[in-house]
Amino acid sequence: MKKFFGLLNVVIIIFAFASCGEDNESNFIELKGPYLGLKTPGDVPELFASGIVSSVYWEHSGAVFTPDGKELFWSRAINEGRSPRIIVIMHMKQINGVWTQPELAPFNFANYNHINSISPDGKRLYMFSTENGVSVVNKTEGGWGKPKFLNINNADQPRRYINEVHETRSGNIYCSGPLESMPKGRGIVRSQFIDGKYLEWESLGSNVNFLVDDPFPNHSPTVDPDERFVIFVSRRPGGYGEQDLYISYRQPDDTWGPAINLGPKINTIGKSNSWPQLSPDGKYLFFTSRVKPYSENDIRKKKYSYSELIEIQESIDNGWDNIYWVSNKFIEELRPKH
């Protein structure tokens, strides 16, 4: 009975959040064209869709577009720091060339719903929830179906740790998943799809899965649809922040080359870069980052007034994660010449 009322409260909070957008419908600007009609970025990351996608809330994933570029999904924590913690999957789509305002995706059923990716053919959406673990949502004629638990191979159990699932054109699956060689039993792994079956999980190797005694030492891979490279998050030493974005290129012998930091232009935007996602045309990288508006020392030295602190907290730059995007020119620039 207690679990029922807890879930009921979650549903009430989610629908209350959804109804808040109705008051702003008349104020929502008309957006047309690819990527919401926004000016595309260069080699320095820029805030993505400020006030529309990036908001005063904690954006909990990179931007995930369908292959045709006409639908957009991302995850958002709407009450970070409170209980129960509510993370929902947001959705926008083009209708007659015009983008709809942000709304809840139709498959939010738990208090934690995290978008993973969409398959290269656009037929399957992968997500993680506290109710089902990793699920797959199939595209239907009327939109998107209901989440179904994803069983990659016989070793998987509903509560086994698998997240950030990405499917490639070959059908292979890459994700954060079980890896016994890591201190906490989690790493970046692949399951090859051969003869209609998924094989056992295999590590992407020590270059990617650097040994760090941390619950999430290397995680959140996003893989090129043709498996030429993988971009991921790592807490290994030598980075620019709490965790940085790295790239590793697949070698001719199917091993993975040295992990290369994406560099100071990208990894100094904020303190904790995460959740990388590739655009469907391969031209851009989306990721989240946290820019702190002030430090503990600022509170003592600058003597903010209460109204100033409230103004900061109610702004988009309030220290919660936002979504950034950047040109993917770095992929060829960082590729080892040999």
C-alpha atoms as a PDB file:
ATOM      1  CA  MET A   1       0.000   0.000   0.000  1.00  0.00           C
ATOM      2  CA  LYS A   2       2.860   2.405   0.869  1.00  0.00           C
ATOM      3  CA  LYS A   3       4.521   1.681  -2.490  1.00  0.00           C
ATOM      4  CA  PHE A   4       1.209   2.390  -4.271  1.00  0.00           C
ATOM      5  CA  PHE A   5       0.819   5.824  -2.659  1.00  0.00           C
ATOM      6  CA  GLY A   6       4.468   6.605  -3.345  1.00  0.00           C
ATOM      7  CA  LEU A   7       3.981   5.860  -7.046  1.00  0.00           C
ATOM      8  CA  LEU A   8       0.718   7.825  -7.025  1.00  0.00           C
ATOM      9  CA  ASN A   9       2.554  10.878  -5.670  1.00  0.00           C
ATOM     10  CA  VAL A  10       5.138  10.526  -8.443  1.00  0.00           C
ATOM     11  CA  VAL A  11       2.401  10.441 -11.084  1.00  0.00           C
ATOM     12  CA  ILE A  12       0.703  13.515  -9.544  1.00  0.00           C
ATOM     13  CA  ILE A  13       3.992  15.468  -9.549  1.00  0.00           C
ATOM     14  CA  ILE A  14       4.725  14.512 -13.155  1.00  0.00           C
ATOM     15  CA  PHE A  15       1.302  15.542 -14.426  1.00  0.00           C
ATOM     16  CA  ALA A  16       1.393  18.761 -12.398  1.00  0.00           C
ATOM     17  CA  PHE A  17       4.724  19.552 -14.071  1.00  0.00           C
ATOM     18  CA  ALA A  18       3.232  18.798 -17.486  1.00  0.00           C
ATOM     19  CA  SER A  19       0.296  21.161 -16.905  1.00  0.00           C
ATOM     20  CA  CYS A  20       2.622  24.046 -16.035  1.00  0.00           C
ATOM     21  CA  GLY A  21       3.604  24.339 -19.690  1.00  0.00           C
ATOM     22  CA  GLU A  22       0.020  24.953 -20.777  1.00  0.00           C
ATOM     23  CA  ASP A  23       0.063  28.510 -19.360  1.00  0.00           C
ATOM     24  CA  ASN A  24       3.139  29.304 -21.473  1.00  0.00           C
ATOM     25  CA  GLU A  25       1.755  27.878 -24.720  1.00  0.00           C
ATOM     26  CA  SER A  26       0.690  31.276 -26.052  1.00  0.00           C
ATOM     27  CA  ASN A  27       4.166  32.683 -25.274  1.00  0.00           C
ATOM     28  CA  PHE A  28       6.099  29.877 -26.967  1.00  0.00           C
ATOM     29  CA  ILE A  29       8.017  31.191 -29.963  1.00  0.00           C
ATOM     30  CA  GLU A  30       7.645  29.520 -33.366  1.00  0.00           C
ATOM     31  CA  LEU A  31      10.649  27.329 -34.163  1.00  0.00           C
ATOM     32  CA  LYS A  32      11.298  26.002 -37.660  1.00  0.00           C
ATOM     33  CA  GLY A  33      14.053  24.067 -39.358  1.00  0.00           C
ATOM     34  CA  PRO A  34      16.813  21.637 -38.321  1.00  0.00           C
ATOM     35  CA  TYR A  35      17.898  21.755 -34.675  1.00  0.00           C
ATOM     36  CA  LEU A  36      14.981  24.020 -33.731  1.00  0.00           C
ATOM     37  CA  GLY A  37      16.171  26.541 -36.308  1.00  0.00           C
ATOM     38  CA  LEU A  38      19.140  27.518 -34.121  1.00  0.00           C
ATOM     39  CA  LYS A  39      22.470  28.860 -35.342  1.00  0.00           C
ATOM     40  CA  THR A  40      24.884  25.933 -35.229  1.00  0.00           C
ATOM     41  CA  PRO A  41      28.024  26.065 -33.044  1.00  0.00           C
ATOM     42  CA  GLY A  42      31.722  26.066 -33.909  1.00  0.00           C
ATOM     43  CA  ASP A  43      34.568  24.426 -32.017  1.00  0.00           C
ATOM     44  CA  VAL A  44      33.634  26.121 -28.722  1.00  0.00           C
ATOM     45  CA  PRO A  45      30.578  24.616 -26.982  1.00  0.00           C
ATOM     46  CA  GLU A  46      27.447  26.742 -26.792  1.00  0.00           C
ATOM     47  CA  LEU A  47      24.364  26.440 -24.621  1.00  0.00           C
ATOM     48  CA  PHE A  48      21.691  24.520 -26.541  1.00  0.00           C
ATOM     49  CA  ALA A  49      18.257  26.117 -26.887  1.00  0.00           C
ATOM     50  CA  SER A  50      18.481  28.328 -23.807  1.00  0.00           C
ATOM     51  CA  GLY A  51      15.115  28.718 -22.094  1.00  0.00           C
ATOM     52  CA  ILE A  52      13.561  25.971 -24.225  1.00  0.00           C
ATOM     53  CA  VAL A  53      15.677  22.845 -23.707  1.00  0.00           C
ATOM     54  CA  SER A  54      18.335  24.138 -21.325  1.00  0.00           C
ATOM     55  CA  SER A  55      16.322  25.532 -18.425  1.00  0.00           C
ATOM     56  CA  VAL A  56      16.293  26.368 -14.720  1.00  0.00           C
ATOM     57  CA  TYR A  57      15.943  22.612 -14.093  1.00  0.00           C
ATOM     58  CA  TRP A  58      18.720  20.001 -14.153  1.00  0.00           C
ATOM     59  CA  GLU A  59      18.961  18.628 -17.708  1.00  0.00           C
ATOM     60  CA  HIS A  60      19.880  14.991 -17.135  1.00  0.00           C
ATOM     61  CA  SER A  61      20.969  13.896 -20.623  1.00  0.00           C
ATOM     62  CA  GLY A  62      22.302  15.182 -23.886  1.00  0.00           C
ATOM     63  CA  ALA A  63      19.878  15.978 -26.716  1.00  0.00           C
ATOM     64  CA  VAL A  64      18.692  12.859 -28.579  1.00  0.00           C
ATOM     65  CA  PHE A  65      17.281  13.448 -32.072  1.00  0.00           C
ATOM     66  CA  THR A  66      15.581  10.894 -34.275  1.00  0.00           C
ATOM     67  CA  PRO A  67      17.567  10.061 -37.450  1.00  0.00           C
ATOM     68  CA  ASP A  68      15.288  12.279 -39.571  1.00  0.00           C
ATOM     69  CA  GLY A  69      15.895  15.174 -37.151  1.00  0.00           C
ATOM     70  CA  LYS A  70      12.169  15.746 -36.617  1.00  0.00           C
ATOM     71  CA  GLU A  71      11.855  14.622 -32.982  1.00  0.00           C
ATOM     72  CA  LEU A  72      13.916  15.566 -29.938  1.00  0.00           C
ATOM     73  CA  PHE A  73      14.153  13.844 -26.546  1.00  0.00           C
ATOM     74  CA  TRP A  74      16.101  14.660 -23.397  1.00  0.00           C
ATOM     75  CA  SER A  75      15.848  13.931 -19.674  1.00  0.00           C
ATOM     76  CA  ARG A  76      15.155  16.564 -17.021  1.00  0.00           C
ATOM     77  CA  ALA A  77      15.299  16.417 -13.218  1.00  0.00           C
ATOM     78  CA  ILE A  78      12.359  18.582 -12.171  1.00  0.00           C
ATOM     79  CA  ASN A  79      12.867  18.565  -8.394  1.00  0.00           C
ATOM     80  CA  GLU A  80      16.568  17.927  -7.795  1.00  0.00           C
ATOM     81  CA  GLY A  81      17.441  17.881  -4.106  1.00  0.00           C
ATOM     82  CA  ARG A  82      13.930  16.904  -3.039  1.00  0.00           C
ATOM     83  CA  SER A  83      12.260  13.585  -2.336  1.00  0.00           C
ATOM     84  CA  PRO A  84      11.153  11.661  -4.267  1.00  0.00           C
ATOM     85  CA  ARG A  85      13.616  12.621  -6.984  1.00  0.00           C
ATOM     86  CA  ILE A  86      11.695  12.968 -10.253  1.00  0.00           C
ATOM     87  CA  ILE A  87      13.428  12.674 -13.635  1.00  0.00           C
ATOM     88  CA  VAL A  88      11.264  12.782 -16.744  1.00  0.00           C
ATOM     89  CA  ILE A  89      11.884  12.363 -20.469  1.00  0.00           C
ATOM     90  CA  MET A  90      10.969  15.485 -22.424  1.00  0.00           C
ATOM     91  CA  HIS A  91       9.835  15.548 -26.050  1.00  0.00           C
ATOM     92  CA  MET A  92       9.515  17.986 -28.949  1.00  0.00           C
ATOM     93  CA  LYS A  93       8.609  17.246 -32.565  1.00  0.00           C
ATOM     94  CA  GLN A  94       8.001  18.961 -35.868  1.00  0.00           C
ATOM     95  CA  ILE A  95       4.408  19.234 -37.063  1.00  0.00           C
ATOM     96  CA  ASN A  96       4.032  20.826 -40.505  1.00  0.00           C
ATOM     97  CA  GLY A  97       7.605  22.061 -40.167  1.00  0.00           C
ATOM     98  CA  VAL A  98       7.045  23.798 -36.812  1.00  0.00           C
ATOM     99  CA  TRP A  99       8.452  22.496 -33.512  1.00  0.00           C
ATOM    100  CA  THR A 100       6.022  21.843 -30.673  1.00  0.00           C
ATOM    101  CA  GLN A 101       6.726  23.208 -27.208  1.00  0.00           C
ATOM    102  CA  PRO A 102       8.474  20.834 -24.742  1.00  0.00           C
ATOM    103  CA  GLU A 103       6.168  18.245 -23.202  1.00  0.00           C
ATOM    104  CA  LEU A 104       6.412  14.930 -21.403  1.00  0.00           C
ATOM    105  CA  ALA A 105       7.197  11.916 -23.570  1.00  0.00           C
ATOM    106  CA  PRO A 106       4.336   9.380 -23.397  1.00  0.00           C
ATOM    107  CA  PHE A 107       6.419   6.683 -21.688  1.00  0.00           C
ATOM    108  CA  ASN A 108       7.224   8.298 -18.310  1.00  0.00           C
ATOM    109  CA  PHE A 109       6.049   5.697 -15.788  1.00  0.00           C
ATOM    110  CA  ALA A 110       8.553   5.836 -12.926  1.00  0.00           C
ATOM    111  CA  ASN A 111      10.200   8.475 -10.746  1.00  0.00           C
ATOM    112  CA  TYR A 112      13.458   8.085 -12.745  1.00  0.00           C
ATOM    113  CA  ASN A 113      13.207   8.021 -16.551  1.00  0.00           C
ATOM    114  CA  HIS A 114      16.418   8.492 -18.527  1.00  0.00           C
ATOM    115  CA  ILE A 115      16.665   8.647 -22.320  1.00  0.00           C
ATOM    116  CA  ASN A 116      19.535   6.524 -23.704  1.00  0.00           C
ATOM    117  CA  SER A 117      19.439   6.672 -27.495  1.00  0.00           C
ATOM    118  CA  ILE A 118      17.517   5.940 -30.695  1.00  0.00           C
ATOM    119  CA  SER A 119      18.576   3.226 -33.135  1.00  0.00           C
ATOM    120  CA  PRO A 120      20.158   4.345 -36.450  1.00  0.00           C
ATOM    121  CA  ASP A 121      17.035   3.240 -38.355  1.00  0.00           C
ATOM    122  CA  GLY A 122      14.778   5.240 -36.005  1.00  0.00           C
ATOM    123  CA  LYS A 123      12.633   2.231 -35.081  1.00  0.00           C
ATOM    124  CA  ARG A 124      13.740   1.722 -31.452  1.00  0.00           C
ATOM    125  CA  LEU A 125      14.194   4.092 -28.530  1.00  0.00           C
ATOM    126  CA  TYR A 126      16.230   2.952 -25.523  1.00  0.00           C
ATOM    127  CA  MET A 127      15.580   4.296 -22.028  1.00  0.00           C
ATOM    128  CA  PHE A 128      16.318   3.475 -18.388  1.00  0.00           C
ATOM    129  CA  SER A 129      13.780   3.638 -15.561  1.00  0.00           C
ATOM    130  CA  THR A 130      13.674   2.593 -11.923  1.00  0.00           C
ATOM    131  CA  GLU A 131      10.700   0.351 -12.729  1.00  0.00           C
ATOM    132  CA  ASN A 132      12.032  -1.646 -15.685  1.00  0.00           C
ATOM    133  CA  GLY A 133      15.774  -1.040 -15.896  1.00  0.00           C
ATOM    134  CA  VAL A 134      16.740  -0.608 -19.558  1.00  0.00           C
ATOM    135  CA  SER A 135      13.717  -0.802 -21.850  1.00  0.00           C
ATOM    136  CA  VAL A 136      13.141  -0.540 -25.567  1.00  0.00           C
ATOM    137  CA  VAL A 137      10.256   1.488 -27.006  1.00  0.00           C
ATOM    138  CA  ASN A 138       9.257   0.589 -30.561  1.00  0.00           C
ATOM    139  CA  LYS A 139       8.134   3.190 -33.088  1.00  0.00           C
ATOM    140  CA  THR A 140       4.567   2.615 -34.264  1.00  0.00           C
ATOM    141  CA  GLU A 141       2.378   4.196 -36.912  1.00  0.00           C
ATOM    142  CA  GLY A 142       0.750   6.303 -34.205  1.00  0.00           C
ATOM    143  CA  GLY A 143       3.961   7.350 -32.443  1.00  0.00           C
ATOM    144  CA  TRP A 144       5.810   5.371 -29.789  1.00  0.00           C
ATOM    145  CA  GLY A 145       4.697   2.210 -28.005  1.00  0.00           C
ATOM    146  CA  LYS A 146       5.116   1.111 -24.398  1.00  0.00           C
ATOM    147  CA  PRO A 147       8.527   0.344 -22.830  1.00  0.00           C
ATOM    148  CA  LYS A 148       9.510  -3.336 -22.791  1.00  0.00           C
ATOM    149  CA  PHE A 149      12.365  -4.766 -20.718  1.00  0.00           C
ATOM    150  CA  LEU A 150      15.467  -5.263 -22.864  1.00  0.00           C
ATOM    151  CA  ASN A 151      17.096  -8.674 -22.460  1.00  0.00           C
ATOM    152  CA  ILE A 152      20.428  -8.505 -24.278  1.00  0.00           C
ATOM    153  CA  ASN A 153      21.547 -12.019 -23.410  1.00  0.00           C
ATOM    154  CA  ASN A 154      20.739 -14.815 -20.973  1.00  0.00           C
ATOM    155  CA  ALA A 155      23.078 -13.429 -18.301  1.00  0.00           C
ATOM    156  CA  ASP A 156      20.953 -10.305 -17.886  1.00  0.00           C
ATOM    157  CA  GLN A 157      18.522  -9.885 -15.027  1.00  0.00           C
ATOM    158  CA  PRO A 158      15.954  -7.072 -14.699  1.00  0.00           C
ATOM    159  CA  ARG A 159      17.916  -5.342 -11.912  1.00  0.00           C
ATOM    160  CA  ARG A 160      21.393  -5.878 -13.323  1.00  0.00           C
ATOM    161  CA  TYR A 161      23.181  -2.603 -13.985  1.00  0.00           C
ATOM    162  CA  ILE A 162      22.876  -1.695 -17.678  1.00  0.00           C
ATOM    163  CA  ASN A 163      22.430   1.882 -18.879  1.00  0.00           C
ATOM    164  CA  GLU A 164      23.280   4.218 -21.763  1.00  0.00           C
ATOM    165  CA  VAL A 165      22.482   1.640 -24.434  1.00  0.00           C
ATOM    166  CA  HIS A 166      23.480   2.535 -28.006  1.00  0.00           C
ATOM    167  CA  GLU A 167      22.716   0.392 -31.045  1.00  0.00           C
ATOM    168  CA  THR A 168      24.889   0.508 -34.178  1.00  0.00           C
ATOM    169  CA  ARG A 169      24.044  -0.221 -37.807  1.00  0.00           C
ATOM    170  CA  SER A 170      25.365  -3.761 -37.386  1.00  0.00           C
ATOM    171  CA  GLY A 171      22.974  -4.345 -34.481  1.00  0.00           C
ATOM    172  CA  ASN A 172      25.781  -4.424 -31.906  1.00  0.00           C
ATOM    173  CA  ILE A 173      24.982  -2.877 -28.527  1.00  0.00           C
ATOM    174  CA  TYR A 174      27.338  -0.611 -26.554  1.00  0.00           C
ATOM    175  CA  CYS A 175      26.515   0.524 -23.020  1.00  0.00           C
ATOM    176  CA  SER A 176      27.559   1.044 -19.431  1.00  0.00           C
ATOM    177  CA  GLY A 177      27.242  -2.446 -18.076  1.00  0.00           C
ATOM    178  CA  PRO A 178      28.635  -5.310 -15.994  1.00  0.00           C
ATOM    179  CA  LEU A 179      32.411  -5.651 -16.024  1.00  0.00           C
ATOM    180  CA  GLU A 180      34.006  -7.786 -13.321  1.00  0.00           C
ATOM    181  CA  SER A 181      37.529  -6.449 -13.956  1.00  0.00           C
ATOM    182  CA  MET A 182      36.541  -2.998 -12.670  1.00  0.00           C
ATOM    183  CA  PRO A 183      36.605  -2.245  -8.908  1.00  0.00           C
ATOM    184  CA  LYS A 184      32.844  -1.605  -8.747  1.00  0.00           C
ATOM    185  CA  GLY A 185      31.938  -4.144 -11.415  1.00  0.00           C
ATOM    186  CA  ARG A 186      30.844  -1.556 -13.981  1.00  0.00           C
ATOM    187  CA  GLY A 187      32.438  -0.425 -17.214  1.00  0.00           C
ATOM    188  CA  ILE A 188      31.896   0.236 -20.910  1.00  0.00           C
ATOM    189  CA  VAL A 189      31.017  -2.957 -22.744  1.00  0.00           C
ATOM    190  CA  ARG A 190      29.762  -4.314 -26.060  1.00  0.00           C
ATOM    191  CA  SER A 191      27.466  -7.168 -27.024  1.00  0.00           C
ATOM    192  CA  GLN A 192      27.865  -8.247 -30.645  1.00  0.00           C
ATOM    193  CA  PHE A 193      24.726  -9.176 -32.582  1.00  0.00           C
ATOM    194  CA  ILE A 194      25.545 -12.268 -34.653  1.00  0.00           C
ATOM    195  CA  ASP A 195      23.126 -14.683 -36.331  1.00  0.00           C
ATOM    196  CA  GLY A 196      20.171 -13.040 -34.647  1.00  0.00           C
ATOM    197  CA  LYS A 197      21.595 -13.347 -31.127  1.00  0.00           C
ATOM    198  CA  TYR A 198      23.431 -11.083 -28.690  1.00  0.00           C
ATOM    199  CA  LEU A 199      26.748 -12.456 -27.457  1.00  0.00           C
ATOM    200  CA  GLU A 200      28.123 -12.117 -23.935  1.00  0.00           C
ATOM    201  CA  TRP A 201      29.318  -8.709 -22.781  1.00  0.00           C
ATOM    202  CA  GLU A 202      32.914  -7.853 -23.659  1.00  0.00           C
ATOM    203  CA  SER A 203      35.037  -4.985 -22.379  1.00  0.00           C
ATOM    204  CA  LEU A 204      36.218  -2.274 -24.758  1.00  0.00           C
ATOM    205  CA  GLY A 205      39.655  -2.807 -23.230  1.00  0.00           C
ATOM    206  CA  SER A 206      41.910  -1.065 -20.746  1.00  0.00           C
ATOM    207  CA  ASN A 207      42.356   2.071 -22.879  1.00  0.00           C
ATOM    208  CA  VAL A 208      38.667   2.828 -22.421  1.00  0.00           C
ATOM    209  CA  ASN A 209      38.040   1.128 -19.058  1.00  0.00           C
ATOM    210  CA  PHE A 210      40.794   2.817 -17.082  1.00  0.00           C
ATOM    211  CA  LEU A 211      41.042   1.371 -13.560  1.00  0.00           C
ATOM    212  CA  VAL A 212      39.668   3.947 -11.109  1.00  0.00           C
ATOM    213  CA  ASP A 213      38.174   3.008  -7.746  1.00  0.00           C
ATOM    214  CA  ASP A 214      34.939   4.882  -8.280  1.00  0.00           C
ATOM    215  CA  PRO A 215      31.287   3.766  -8.621  1.00  0.00           C
ATOM    216  CA  PHE A 216      31.186   5.256 -12.132  1.00  0.00           C
ATOM    217  CA  PRO A 217      34.824   5.428 -13.323  1.00  0.00           C
ATOM    218  CA  ASN A 218      34.102   5.189 -17.083  1.00  0.00           C
ATOM    219  CA  HIS A 219      30.533   5.503 -18.307  1.00  0.00           C
ATOM    220  CA  SER A 220      27.944   6.932 -20.717  1.00  0.00           C
ATOM    221  CA  PRO A 221      29.390   5.854 -24.069  1.00  0.00           C
ATOM    222  CA  THR A 222      27.996   7.190 -27.315  1.00  0.00           C
ATOM    223  CA  VAL A 223      29.216   5.261 -30.328  1.00  0.00           C
ATOM    224  CA  ASP A 224      29.515   6.155 -33.990  1.00  0.00           C
ATOM    225  CA  PRO A 225      26.783   4.227 -35.879  1.00  0.00           C
ATOM    226  CA  ASP A 226      29.531   2.573 -37.960  1.00  0.00           C
ATOM    227  CA  GLU A 227      31.635   1.859 -34.824  1.00  0.00           C
ATOM    228  CA  ARG A 228      34.627   3.935 -35.915  1.00  0.00           C
ATOM    229  CA  PHE A 229      34.951   5.622 -32.518  1.00  0.00           C
ATOM    230  CA  VAL A 230      33.359   5.866 -29.090  1.00  0.00           C
ATOM    231  CA  ILE A 231      32.996   9.033 -26.971  1.00  0.00           C
ATOM    232  CA  PHE A 232      32.586   8.488 -23.244  1.00  0.00           C
ATOM    233  CA  VAL A 233      32.896   9.966 -19.759  1.00  0.00           C
ATOM    234  CA  SER A 234      35.809   9.156 -17.465  1.00  0.00           C
ATOM    235  CA  ARG A 235      37.039  10.177 -14.021  1.00  0.00           C
ATOM    236  CA  ARG A 236      40.622   9.143 -14.781  1.00  0.00           C
ATOM    237  CA  PRO A 237      43.424  11.447 -13.584  1.00  0.00           C
ATOM    238  CA  GLY A 238      44.769  14.178 -15.833  1.00  0.00           C
ATOM    239  CA  GLY A 239      41.456  15.727 -16.849  1.00  0.00           C
ATOM    240  CA  TYR A 240      40.227  19.299 -16.575  1.00  0.00           C
ATOM    241  CA  GLY A 241      37.308  18.740 -14.207  1.00  0.00           C
ATOM    242  CA  GLU A 242      35.548  16.202 -12.004  1.00  0.00           C
ATOM    243  CA  GLN A 243      34.965  14.094 -15.110  1.00  0.00           C
ATOM    244  CA  ASP A 244      35.847  14.712 -18.743  1.00  0.00           C
ATOM    245  CA  LEU A 245      34.814  13.582 -22.203  1.00  0.00           C
ATOM    246  CA  TYR A 246      37.216  11.275 -24.065  1.00  0.00           C
ATOM    247  CA  ILE A 247      37.333   9.635 -27.495  1.00  0.00           C
ATOM    248  CA  SER A 248      38.803   6.274 -28.512  1.00  0.00           C
ATOM    249  CA  TYR A 249      39.120   5.067 -32.108  1.00  0.00           C
ATOM    250  CA  ARG A 250      38.493   1.477 -33.158  1.00  0.00           C
ATOM    251  CA  GLN A 251      41.588  -0.188 -34.600  1.00  0.00           C
ATOM    252  CA  PRO A 252      41.775  -2.538 -37.629  1.00  0.00           C
ATOM    253  CA  ASP A 253      42.080  -5.529 -35.247  1.00  0.00           C
ATOM    254  CA  ASP A 254      38.805  -4.517 -33.491  1.00  0.00           C
ATOM    255  CA  THR A 255      40.589  -3.238 -30.378  1.00  0.00           C
ATOM    256  CA  TRP A 256      40.192   0.305 -29.086  1.00  0.00           C
ATOM    257  CA  GLY A 257      43.002   2.834 -29.197  1.00  0.00           C
ATOM    258  CA  PRO A 258      44.237   5.195 -26.470  1.00  0.00           C
ATOM    259  CA  ALA A 259      41.613   7.387 -24.816  1.00  0.00           C
ATOM    260  CA  ILE A 260      42.142  10.997 -25.931  1.00  0.00           C
ATOM    261  CA  ASN A 261      40.776  13.909 -23.898  1.00  0.00           C
ATOM    262  CA  LEU A 262      38.542  16.149 -26.022  1.00  0.00           C
ATOM    263  CA  GLY A 263      40.635  19.081 -24.848  1.00  0.00           C
ATOM    264  CA  PRO A 264      40.276  22.346 -22.939  1.00  0.00           C
ATOM    265  CA  LYS A 265      37.810  24.016 -25.308  1.00  0.00           C
ATOM    266  CA  ILE A 266      35.235  21.340 -24.474  1.00  0.00           C
ATOM    267  CA  ASN A 267      36.213  20.031 -21.055  1.00  0.00           C
ATOM    268  CA  THR A 268      36.571  23.393 -19.312  1.00  0.00           C
ATOM    269  CA  ILE A 269      33.030  24.629 -20.072  1.00  0.00           C
ATOM    270  CA  GLY A 270      31.913  23.276 -16.694  1.00  0.00           C
ATOM    271  CA  LYS A 271      33.058  21.079 -13.835  1.00  0.00           C
ATOM    272  CA  SER A 272      31.368  17.817 -14.717  1.00  0.00           C
ATOM    273  CA  ASN A 273      30.825  17.042 -18.403  1.00  0.00           C
ATOM    274  CA  SER A 274      28.609  14.035 -19.054  1.00  0.00           C
ATOM    275  CA  TRP A 275      25.920  12.268 -21.146  1.00  0.00           C
ATOM    276  CA  PRO A 276      27.446  12.738 -24.642  1.00  0.00           C
ATOM    277  CA  GLN A 277      25.156  12.245 -27.646  1.00  0.00           C
ATOM    278  CA  LEU A 278      25.945  12.444 -31.361  1.00  0.00           C
ATOM    279  CA  SER A 279      23.666  14.336 -33.719  1.00  0.00           C
ATOM    280  CA  PRO A 280      22.025  12.145 -36.385  1.00  0.00           C
ATOM    281  CA  ASP A 281      24.001  13.818 -39.190  1.00  0.00           C
ATOM    282  CA  GLY A 282      27.271  13.310 -37.281  1.00  0.00           C
ATOM    283  CA  LYS A 283      28.120  17.015 -37.322  1.00  0.00           C
ATOM    284  CA  TYR A 284      27.624  17.876 -33.627  1.00  0.00           C
ATOM    285  CA  LEU A 285      28.134  16.535 -30.142  1.00  0.00           C
ATOM    286  CA  PHE A 286      25.643  17.246 -27.369  1.00  0.00           C
ATOM    287  CA  PHE A 287      26.596  16.883 -23.706  1.00  0.00           C
ATOM    288  CA  THR A 288      25.698  18.226 -20.279  1.00  0.00           C
ATOM    289  CA  SER A 289      27.834  20.429 -18.086  1.00  0.00           C
ATOM    290  CA  ARG A 290      27.505  22.225 -14.785  1.00  0.00           C
ATOM    291  CA  VAL A 291      28.595  25.850 -14.513  1.00  0.00           C
ATOM    292  CA  LYS A 292      28.571  27.050 -10.892  1.00  0.00           C
ATOM    293  CA  PRO A 293      27.348  30.670 -10.627  1.00  0.00           C
ATOM    294  CA  TYR A 294      29.304  31.286  -7.445  1.00  0.00           C
ATOM    295  CA  SER A 295      31.548  29.501  -4.959  1.00  0.00           C
ATOM    296  CA  GLU A 296      31.414  29.218  -1.204  1.00  0.00           C
ATOM    297  CA  ASN A 297      34.079  31.948  -0.990  1.00  0.00           C
ATOM    298  CA  ASP A 298      31.896  34.284  -3.069  1.00  0.00           C
ATOM    299  CA  ILE A 299      29.137  34.005  -0.477  1.00  0.00           C
ATOM    300  CA  ARG A 300      31.499  35.280   2.190  1.00  0.00           C
ATOM    301  CA  LYS A 301      33.349  37.903   0.136  1.00  0.00           C
ATOM    302  CA  LYS A 302      30.663  39.376  -2.124  1.00  0.00           C
ATOM    303  CA  LYS A 303      27.919  39.489   0.501  1.00  0.00           C
ATOM    304  CA  TYR A 304      25.028  38.659  -1.838  1.00  0.00           C
ATOM    305  CA  SER A 305      21.627  39.899  -0.786  1.00  0.00           C
ATOM    306  CA  TYR A 306      18.795  37.416  -0.458  1.00  0.00           C
ATOM    307  CA  SER A 307      17.079  38.788  -3.590  1.00  0.00           C
ATOM    308  CA  GLU A 308      20.321  38.416  -5.575  1.00  0.00           C
ATOM    309  CA  LEU A 309      20.684  34.773  -4.517  1.00  0.00           C
ATOM    310  CA  ILE A 310      17.071  34.037  -5.470  1.00  0.00           C
ATOM    311  CA  GLU A 311      17.594  35.718  -8.843  1.00  0.00           C
ATOM    312  CA  ILE A 312      20.605  33.496  -9.514  1.00  0.00           C
ATOM    313  CA  GLN A 313      18.769  30.334  -8.477  1.00  0.00           C
ATOM    314  CA  GLU A 314      15.845  31.145 -10.772  1.00  0.00           C
ATOM    315  CA  SER A 315      18.109  31.775 -13.767  1.00  0.00           C
ATOM    316  CA  ILE A 316      19.248  29.206 -16.338  1.00  0.00           C
ATOM    317  CA  ASP A 317      22.839  29.646 -15.108  1.00  0.00           C
ATOM    318  CA  ASN A 318      21.986  28.503 -11.593  1.00  0.00           C
ATOM    319  CA  GLY A 319      24.555  25.703 -11.353  1.00  0.00           C
ATOM    320  CA  TRP A 320      22.369  22.779 -12.459  1.00  0.00           C
ATOM    321  CA  ASP A 321      23.399  20.838 -15.565  1.00  0.00           C
ATOM    322  CA  ASN A 322      22.536  22.354 -18.939  1.00  0.00           C
ATOM    323  CA  ILE A 323      22.892  20.929 -22.446  1.00  0.00           C
ATOM    324  CA  TYR A 324      25.697  22.202 -24.672  1.00  0.00           C
ATOM    325  CA  TRP A 325      26.553  21.419 -28.276  1.00  0.00           C
ATOM    326  CA  VAL A 326      29.744  21.743 -30.296  1.00  0.00           C
ATOM    327  CA  SER A 327      31.029  21.023 -33.806  1.00  0.00           C
ATOM    328  CA  ASN A 328      32.377  17.497 -34.318  1.00  0.00           C
ATOM    329  CA  LYS A 329      35.459  18.711 -36.193  1.00  0.00           C
ATOM    330  CA  PHE A 330      37.517  17.473 -33.239  1.00  0.00           C
ATOM    331  CA  ILE A 331      36.874  13.865 -34.318  1.00  0.00           C
ATOM    332  CA  GLU A 332      39.260  14.129 -37.273  1.00  0.00           C
ATOM    333  CA  GLU A 333      41.574  16.608 -35.564  1.00  0.00           C
ATOM    334  CA  LEU A 334      42.249  14.222 -32.658  1.00  0.00           C
ATOM    335  CA  ARG A 335      42.490  11.055 -34.755  1.00  0.00           C
ATOM    336  CA  PRO A 336      46.076   9.667 -34.545  1.00  0.00           C
ATOM    337  CA  LYS A 337      47.823  10.215 -37.885  1.00  0.00           C
ATOM    338  CA  HIS A 338      49.294   6.724 -38.042  1.00  0.00           C
END
